[in-house]
Amino acid sequence: MKTVKAGKIREMAAVELGKRAGEIREELFKLRFQQATGQLENPSRVRVLRRELARVLTVQQEQAAAAAKPAGKAG
């Protein structure tokens, strides 16, 4: 699976972001298990997934902050 850029992640809806974060966490769990048993073929995949998860969580945080921000407040 290819890495998704932050621009594409920002286009996702909140539900899609949550679903993607769950998929990444599940894949990371499987990769950690493979690593512990010595069967991991591509160790760099763990790093790529951790970074993608961070991107997804960052965009979720941004969207939550934007939704919580009071609308129409002009100084």
PDB file of N, CA and C in Angstrom:
ATOM      1  N   MET A   1       0.839  -1.178   0.000  1.00  0.00           N
ATOM      2  CA  MET A   1       0.000   0.000   0.000  1.00  0.00           C
ATOM      3  C   MET A   1       0.884   1.240   0.000  1.00  0.00           C
ATOM      4  N   LYS A   2       0.524   2.212  -0.821  1.00  0.00           N
ATOM      5  CA  LYS A   2       1.302   3.439  -0.919  1.00  0.00           C
ATOM      6  C   LYS A   2       1.021   4.379   0.243  1.00  0.00           C
ATOM      7  N   THR A   3       1.975   5.263   0.475  1.00  0.00           N
ATOM      8  CA  THR A   3       1.802   6.290   1.486  1.00  0.00           C
ATOM      9  C   THR A   3       0.852   7.356   0.949  1.00  0.00           C
ATOM     10  N   VAL A   4      -0.021   7.829   1.801  1.00  0.00           N
ATOM     11  CA  VAL A   4      -0.968   8.869   1.429  1.00  0.00           C
ATOM     12  C   VAL A   4      -0.407  10.205   1.897  1.00  0.00           C
ATOM     13  N   LYS A   5      -0.400  11.176   1.012  1.00  0.00           N
ATOM     14  CA  LYS A   5       0.111  12.499   1.348  1.00  0.00           C
ATOM     15  C   LYS A   5      -0.895  13.265   2.195  1.00  0.00           C
ATOM     16  N   ALA A   6      -0.403  14.256   2.915  1.00  0.00           N
ATOM     17  CA  ALA A   6      -1.240  15.032   3.828  1.00  0.00           C
ATOM     18  C   ALA A   6      -2.374  15.736   3.081  1.00  0.00           C
ATOM     19  N   GLY A   7      -2.134  16.181   1.866  1.00  0.00           N
ATOM     20  CA  GLY A   7      -3.179  16.841   1.085  1.00  0.00           C
ATOM     21  C   GLY A   7      -4.364  15.930   0.832  1.00  0.00           C
ATOM     22  N   LYS A   8      -4.090  14.684   0.512  1.00  0.00           N
ATOM     23  CA  LYS A   8      -5.164  13.717   0.286  1.00  0.00           C
ATOM     24  C   LYS A   8      -5.880  13.385   1.596  1.00  0.00           C
ATOM     25  N   ILE A   9      -5.116  13.335   2.678  1.00  0.00           N
ATOM     26  CA  ILE A   9      -5.714  13.033   3.983  1.00  0.00           C
ATOM     27  C   ILE A   9      -6.651  14.157   4.400  1.00  0.00           C
ATOM     28  N   ARG A  10      -6.282  15.393   4.109  1.00  0.00           N
ATOM     29  CA  ARG A  10      -7.126  16.540   4.477  1.00  0.00           C
ATOM     30  C   ARG A  10      -8.449  16.540   3.723  1.00  0.00           C
ATOM     31  N   GLU A  11      -8.491  15.875   2.578  1.00  0.00           N
ATOM     32  CA  GLU A  11      -9.723  15.800   1.800  1.00  0.00           C
ATOM     33  C   GLU A  11     -10.699  14.758   2.350  1.00  0.00           C
ATOM     34  N   MET A  12     -10.224  13.885   3.230  1.00  0.00           N
ATOM     35  CA  MET A  12     -11.067  12.830   3.781  1.00  0.00           C
ATOM     36  C   MET A  12     -12.032  13.385   4.828  1.00  0.00           C
ATOM     37  N   ALA A  13     -13.162  12.720   4.954  1.00  0.00           N
ATOM     38  CA  ALA A  13     -14.135  13.077   5.989  1.00  0.00           C
ATOM     39  C   ALA A  13     -13.681  12.502   7.324  1.00  0.00           C
ATOM     40  N   ALA A  14     -14.275  12.979   8.399  1.00  0.00           N
ATOM     41  CA  ALA A  14     -13.893  12.547   9.743  1.00  0.00           C
ATOM     42  C   ALA A  14     -14.067  11.031   9.917  1.00  0.00           C
ATOM     43  N   VAL A  15     -15.133  10.493   9.355  1.00  0.00           N
ATOM     44  CA  VAL A  15     -15.392   9.056   9.466  1.00  0.00           C
ATOM     45  C   VAL A  15     -14.304   8.267   8.737  1.00  0.00           C
ATOM     46  N   GLU A  16     -13.931   8.741   7.558  1.00  0.00           N
ATOM     47  CA  GLU A  16     -12.878   8.068   6.793  1.00  0.00           C
ATOM     48  C   GLU A  16     -11.542   8.123   7.526  1.00  0.00           C
ATOM     49  N   LEU A  17     -11.271   9.250   8.175  1.00  0.00           N
ATOM     50  CA  LEU A  17     -10.022   9.386   8.926  1.00  0.00           C
ATOM     51  C   LEU A  17      -9.963   8.381  10.075  1.00  0.00           C
ATOM     52  N   GLY A  18     -11.066   8.245  10.789  1.00  0.00           N
ATOM     53  CA  GLY A  18     -11.115   7.284  11.879  1.00  0.00           C
ATOM     54  C   GLY A  18     -10.927   5.860  11.390  1.00  0.00           C
ATOM     55  N   LYS A  19     -11.558   5.557  10.274  1.00  0.00           N
ATOM     56  CA  LYS A  19     -11.445   4.220   9.697  1.00  0.00           C
ATOM     57  C   LYS A  19     -10.005   3.953   9.256  1.00  0.00           C
ATOM     58  N   ARG A  20      -9.385   4.940   8.613  1.00  0.00           N
ATOM     59  CA  ARG A  20      -8.002   4.789   8.137  1.00  0.00           C
ATOM     60  C   ARG A  20      -7.044   4.621   9.317  1.00  0.00           C
ATOM     61  N   ALA A  21      -7.251   5.379  10.380  1.00  0.00           N
ATOM     62  CA  ALA A  21      -6.400   5.259  11.566  1.00  0.00           C
ATOM     63  C   ALA A  21      -6.499   3.852  12.144  1.00  0.00           C
ATOM     64  N   GLY A  22      -7.694   3.298  12.176  1.00  0.00           N
ATOM     65  CA  GLY A  22      -7.888   1.934  12.665  1.00  0.00           C
ATOM     66  C   GLY A  22      -7.180   0.912  11.795  1.00  0.00           C
ATOM     67  N   GLU A  23      -7.250   1.104  10.475  1.00  0.00           N
ATOM     68  CA  GLU A  23      -6.570   0.190   9.546  1.00  0.00           C
ATOM     69  C   GLU A  23      -5.061   0.235   9.746  1.00  0.00           C
ATOM     70  N   ILE A  24      -4.532   1.438   9.911  1.00  0.00           N
ATOM     71  CA  ILE A  24      -3.092   1.586  10.096  1.00  0.00           C
ATOM     72  C   ILE A  24      -2.659   0.936  11.400  1.00  0.00           C
ATOM     73  N   ARG A  25      -3.425   1.166  12.465  1.00  0.00           N
ATOM     74  CA  ARG A  25      -3.083   0.569  13.764  1.00  0.00           C
ATOM     75  C   ARG A  25      -3.091  -0.957  13.689  1.00  0.00           C
ATOM     76  N   GLU A  26      -4.073  -1.500  12.975  1.00  0.00           N
ATOM     77  CA  GLU A  26      -4.159  -2.953  12.828  1.00  0.00           C
ATOM     78  C   GLU A  26      -2.949  -3.496  12.053  1.00  0.00           C
ATOM     79  N   GLU A  27      -2.591  -2.815  10.980  1.00  0.00           N
ATOM     80  CA  GLU A  27      -1.435  -3.255  10.198  1.00  0.00           C
ATOM     81  C   GLU A  27      -0.138  -3.130  11.007  1.00  0.00           C
ATOM     82  N   LEU A  28      -0.012  -2.059  11.781  1.00  0.00           N
ATOM     83  CA  LEU A  28       1.169  -1.902  12.637  1.00  0.00           C
ATOM     84  C   LEU A  28       1.252  -3.032  13.662  1.00  0.00           C
ATOM     85  N   PHE A  29       0.123  -3.411  14.222  1.00  0.00           N
ATOM     86  CA  PHE A  29       0.106  -4.512  15.179  1.00  0.00           C
ATOM     87  C   PHE A  29       0.629  -5.792  14.531  1.00  0.00           C
ATOM     88  N   LYS A  30       0.144  -6.066  13.327  1.00  0.00           N
ATOM     89  CA  LYS A  30       0.571  -7.270  12.620  1.00  0.00           C
ATOM     90  C   LYS A  30       2.068  -7.221  12.303  1.00  0.00           C
ATOM     91  N   LEU A  31       2.545  -6.043  11.895  1.00  0.00           N
ATOM     92  CA  LEU A  31       3.967  -5.914  11.570  1.00  0.00           C
ATOM     93  C   LEU A  31       4.836  -6.070  12.812  1.00  0.00           C
ATOM     94  N   ARG A  32       4.391  -5.529  13.944  1.00  0.00           N
ATOM     95  CA  ARG A  32       5.152  -5.694  15.185  1.00  0.00           C
ATOM     96  C   ARG A  32       5.212  -7.159  15.600  1.00  0.00           C
ATOM     97  N   PHE A  33       4.117  -7.861  15.377  1.00  0.00           N
ATOM     98  CA  PHE A  33       4.082  -9.284  15.694  1.00  0.00           C
ATOM     99  C   PHE A  33       5.069 -10.043  14.799  1.00  0.00           C
ATOM    100  N   GLN A  34       5.087  -9.713  13.518  1.00  0.00           N
ATOM    101  CA  GLN A  34       6.037 -10.343  12.593  1.00  0.00           C
ATOM    102  C   GLN A  34       7.471 -10.029  12.990  1.00  0.00           C
ATOM    103  N   GLN A  35       7.699  -8.805  13.421  1.00  0.00           N
ATOM    104  CA  GLN A  35       9.045  -8.401  13.822  1.00  0.00           C
ATOM    105  C   GLN A  35       9.496  -9.192  15.057  1.00  0.00           C
ATOM    106  N   ALA A  36       8.584  -9.397  15.991  1.00  0.00           N
ATOM    107  CA  ALA A  36       8.920 -10.121  17.209  1.00  0.00           C
ATOM    108  C   ALA A  36       9.230 -11.589  16.930  1.00  0.00           C
ATOM    109  N   THR A  37       8.597 -12.143  15.909  1.00  0.00           N
ATOM    110  CA  THR A  37       8.832 -13.545  15.574  1.00  0.00           C
ATOM    111  C   THR A  37       9.915 -13.726  14.526  1.00  0.00           C
ATOM    112  N   GLY A  38      10.493 -12.616  14.070  1.00  0.00           N
ATOM    113  CA  GLY A  38      11.586 -12.687  13.098  1.00  0.00           C
ATOM    114  C   GLY A  38      11.133 -12.933  11.675  1.00  0.00           C
ATOM    115  N   GLN A  39       9.888 -12.646  11.351  1.00  0.00           N
ATOM    116  CA  GLN A  39       9.357 -12.904  10.020  1.00  0.00           C
ATOM    117  C   GLN A  39       9.120 -11.633   9.213  1.00  0.00           C
ATOM    118  N   LEU A  40       9.520 -10.490   9.724  1.00  0.00           N
ATOM    119  CA  LEU A  40       9.268  -9.217   9.050  1.00  0.00           C
ATOM    120  C   LEU A  40      10.188  -9.078   7.843  1.00  0.00           C
ATOM    121  N   GLU A  41       9.594  -8.922   6.668  1.00  0.00           N
ATOM    122  CA  GLU A  41      10.365  -8.822   5.433  1.00  0.00           C
ATOM    123  C   GLU A  41      10.782  -7.390   5.113  1.00  0.00           C
ATOM    124  N   ASN A  42       9.939  -6.420   5.483  1.00  0.00           N
ATOM    125  CA  ASN A  42      10.206  -5.032   5.128  1.00  0.00           C
ATOM    126  C   ASN A  42      10.129  -4.155   6.384  1.00  0.00           C
ATOM    127  N   PRO A  43      11.238  -4.023   7.117  1.00  0.00           N
ATOM    128  CA  PRO A  43      11.216  -3.248   8.363  1.00  0.00           C
ATOM    129  C   PRO A  43      10.893  -1.769   8.164  1.00  0.00           C
ATOM    130  N   SER A  44      11.168  -1.228   6.997  1.00  0.00           N
ATOM    131  CA  SER A  44      10.893   0.192   6.768  1.00  0.00           C
ATOM    132  C   SER A  44       9.393   0.475   6.690  1.00  0.00           C
ATOM    133  N   ARG A  45       8.596  -0.545   6.458  1.00  0.00           N
ATOM    134  CA  ARG A  45       7.143  -0.369   6.392  1.00  0.00           C
ATOM    135  C   ARG A  45       6.587   0.111   7.729  1.00  0.00           C
ATOM    136  N   VAL A  46       7.192  -0.316   8.828  1.00  0.00           N
ATOM    137  CA  VAL A  46       6.748   0.112  10.160  1.00  0.00           C
ATOM    138  C   VAL A  46       6.894   1.626  10.275  1.00  0.00           C
ATOM    139  N   ARG A  47       8.021   2.131   9.861  1.00  0.00           N
ATOM    140  CA  ARG A  47       8.273   3.578   9.934  1.00  0.00           C
ATOM    141  C   ARG A  47       7.297   4.355   9.052  1.00  0.00           C
ATOM    142  N   VAL A  48       7.063   3.852   7.850  1.00  0.00           N
ATOM    143  CA  VAL A  48       6.142   4.520   6.927  1.00  0.00           C
ATOM    144  C   VAL A  48       4.739   4.579   7.522  1.00  0.00           C
ATOM    145  N   LEU A  49       4.301   3.478   8.107  1.00  0.00           N
ATOM    146  CA  LEU A  49       2.961   3.448   8.693  1.00  0.00           C
ATOM    147  C   LEU A  49       2.845   4.343   9.914  1.00  0.00           C
ATOM    148  N   ARG A  50       3.895   4.381  10.734  1.00  0.00           N
ATOM    149  CA  ARG A  50       3.851   5.267  11.903  1.00  0.00           C
ATOM    150  C   ARG A  50       3.722   6.719  11.470  1.00  0.00           C
ATOM    151  N   ARG A  51       4.418   7.088  10.434  1.00  0.00           N
ATOM    152  CA  ARG A  51       4.332   8.468   9.944  1.00  0.00           C
ATOM    153  C   ARG A  51       2.961   8.762   9.343  1.00  0.00           C
ATOM    154  N   GLU A  52       2.412   7.793   8.618  1.00  0.00           N
ATOM    155  CA  GLU A  52       1.090   8.000   8.041  1.00  0.00           C
ATOM    156  C   GLU A  52       0.032   8.119   9.137  1.00  0.00           C
ATOM    157  N   LEU A  53       0.162   7.311  10.185  1.00  0.00           N
ATOM    158  CA  LEU A  53      -0.760   7.411  11.311  1.00  0.00           C
ATOM    159  C   LEU A  53      -0.657   8.797  11.954  1.00  0.00           C
ATOM    160  N   ALA A  54       0.550   9.300  12.089  1.00  0.00           N
ATOM    161  CA  ALA A  54       0.738  10.641  12.658  1.00  0.00           C
ATOM    162  C   ALA A  54       0.071  11.697  11.786  1.00  0.00           C
ATOM    163  N   ARG A  55       0.151  11.533  10.480  1.00  0.00           N
ATOM    164  CA  ARG A  55      -0.507  12.481   9.568  1.00  0.00           C
ATOM    165  C   ARG A  55      -2.015  12.450   9.760  1.00  0.00           C
ATOM    166  N   VAL A  56      -2.570  11.249   9.828  1.00  0.00           N
ATOM    167  CA  VAL A  56      -4.022  11.108   9.996  1.00  0.00           C
ATOM    168  C   VAL A  56      -4.465  11.729  11.315  1.00  0.00           C
ATOM    169  N   LEU A  57      -3.749  11.438  12.378  1.00  0.00           N
ATOM    170  CA  LEU A  57      -4.116  11.979  13.688  1.00  0.00           C
ATOM    171  C   LEU A  57      -3.971  13.499  13.727  1.00  0.00           C
ATOM    172  N   THR A  58      -2.976  14.024  13.040  1.00  0.00           N
ATOM    173  CA  THR A  58      -2.787  15.476  12.981  1.00  0.00           C
ATOM    174  C   THR A  58      -3.956  16.146  12.271  1.00  0.00           C
ATOM    175  N   VAL A  59      -4.379  15.565  11.151  1.00  0.00           N
ATOM    176  CA  VAL A  59      -5.507  16.136  10.412  1.00  0.00           C
ATOM    177  C   VAL A  59      -6.786  16.038  11.241  1.00  0.00           C
ATOM    178  N   GLN A  60      -6.965  14.931  11.967  1.00  0.00           N
ATOM    179  CA  GLN A  60      -8.132  14.815  12.848  1.00  0.00           C
ATOM    180  C   GLN A  60      -8.123  15.928  13.895  1.00  0.00           C
ATOM    181  N   GLN A  61      -6.953  16.176  14.467  1.00  0.00           N
ATOM    182  CA  GLN A  61      -6.808  17.226  15.476  1.00  0.00           C
ATOM    183  C   GLN A  61      -7.121  18.597  14.873  1.00  0.00           C
ATOM    184  N   GLU A  62      -6.626  18.847  13.660  1.00  0.00           N
ATOM    185  CA  GLU A  62      -6.891  20.119  12.985  1.00  0.00           C
ATOM    186  C   GLU A  62      -8.385  20.311  12.747  1.00  0.00           C
ATOM    187  N   GLN A  63      -9.046  19.247  12.295  1.00  0.00           N
ATOM    188  CA  GLN A  63     -10.478  19.337  12.021  1.00  0.00           C
ATOM    189  C   GLN A  63     -11.267  19.561  13.305  1.00  0.00           C
ATOM    190  N   ALA A  64     -10.856  18.923  14.381  1.00  0.00           N
ATOM    191  CA  ALA A  64     -11.541  19.109  15.655  1.00  0.00           C
ATOM    192  C   ALA A  64     -11.357  20.538  16.167  1.00  0.00           C
ATOM    193  N   ALA A  65     -10.167  21.072  16.002  1.00  0.00           N
ATOM    194  CA  ALA A  65      -9.896  22.442  16.434  1.00  0.00           C
ATOM    195  C   ALA A  65     -10.679  23.440  15.602  1.00  0.00           C
ATOM    196  N   ALA A  66     -10.788  23.187  14.311  1.00  0.00           N
ATOM    197  CA  ALA A  66     -11.550  24.079  13.427  1.00  0.00           C
ATOM    198  C   ALA A  66     -13.034  24.030  13.767  1.00  0.00           C
ATOM    199  N   ALA A  67     -13.534  22.865  14.127  1.00  0.00           N
ATOM    200  CA  ALA A  67     -14.958  22.740  14.466  1.00  0.00           C
ATOM    201  C   ALA A  67     -15.262  23.411  15.812  1.00  0.00           C
ATOM    202  N   ALA A  68     -14.294  23.402  16.716  1.00  0.00           N
ATOM    203  CA  ALA A  68     -14.496  23.980  18.050  1.00  0.00           C
ATOM    204  C   ALA A  68     -14.324  25.500  18.040  1.00  0.00           C
ATOM    205  N   LYS A  69     -13.669  26.017  17.027  1.00  0.00           N
ATOM    206  CA  LYS A  69     -13.411  27.453  16.940  1.00  0.00           C
ATOM    207  C   LYS A  69     -14.727  28.198  16.732  1.00  0.00           C
ATOM    208  N   PRO A  70     -14.972  29.231  17.508  1.00  0.00           N
ATOM    209  CA  PRO A  70     -16.218  30.007  17.327  1.00  0.00           C
ATOM    210  C   PRO A  70     -16.245  30.692  15.963  1.00  0.00           C
ATOM    211  N   ALA A  71     -17.353  30.527  15.262  1.00  0.00           N
ATOM    212  CA  ALA A  71     -17.494  31.102  13.931  1.00  0.00           C
ATOM    213  C   ALA A  71     -17.941  32.553  14.008  1.00  0.00           C
ATOM    214  N   GLY A  72     -17.450  33.365  13.101  1.00  0.00           N
ATOM    215  CA  GLY A  72     -17.883  34.756  13.014  1.00  0.00           C
ATOM    216  C   GLY A  72     -17.257  35.706  14.003  1.00  0.00           C
ATOM    217  N   LYS A  73     -16.246  35.296  14.710  1.00  0.00           N
ATOM    218  CA  LYS A  73     -15.566  36.180  15.667  1.00  0.00           C
ATOM    219  C   LYS A  73     -14.528  37.010  14.923  1.00  0.00           C
ATOM    220  N   ALA A  74     -14.822  38.262  14.697  1.00  0.00           N
ATOM    221  CA  ALA A  74     -13.865  39.163  14.062  1.00  0.00           C
ATOM    222  C   ALA A  74     -13.518  40.244  15.099  1.00  0.00           C
ATOM    223  N   GLY A  75     -12.219  40.395  15.337  1.00  0.00           N
ATOM    224  CA  GLY A  75     -11.713  41.308  16.352  1.00  0.00           C
ATOM    225  C   GLY A  75     -12.142  42.661  16.192  1.00  0.00           C
TER     226      GLY A  75
END
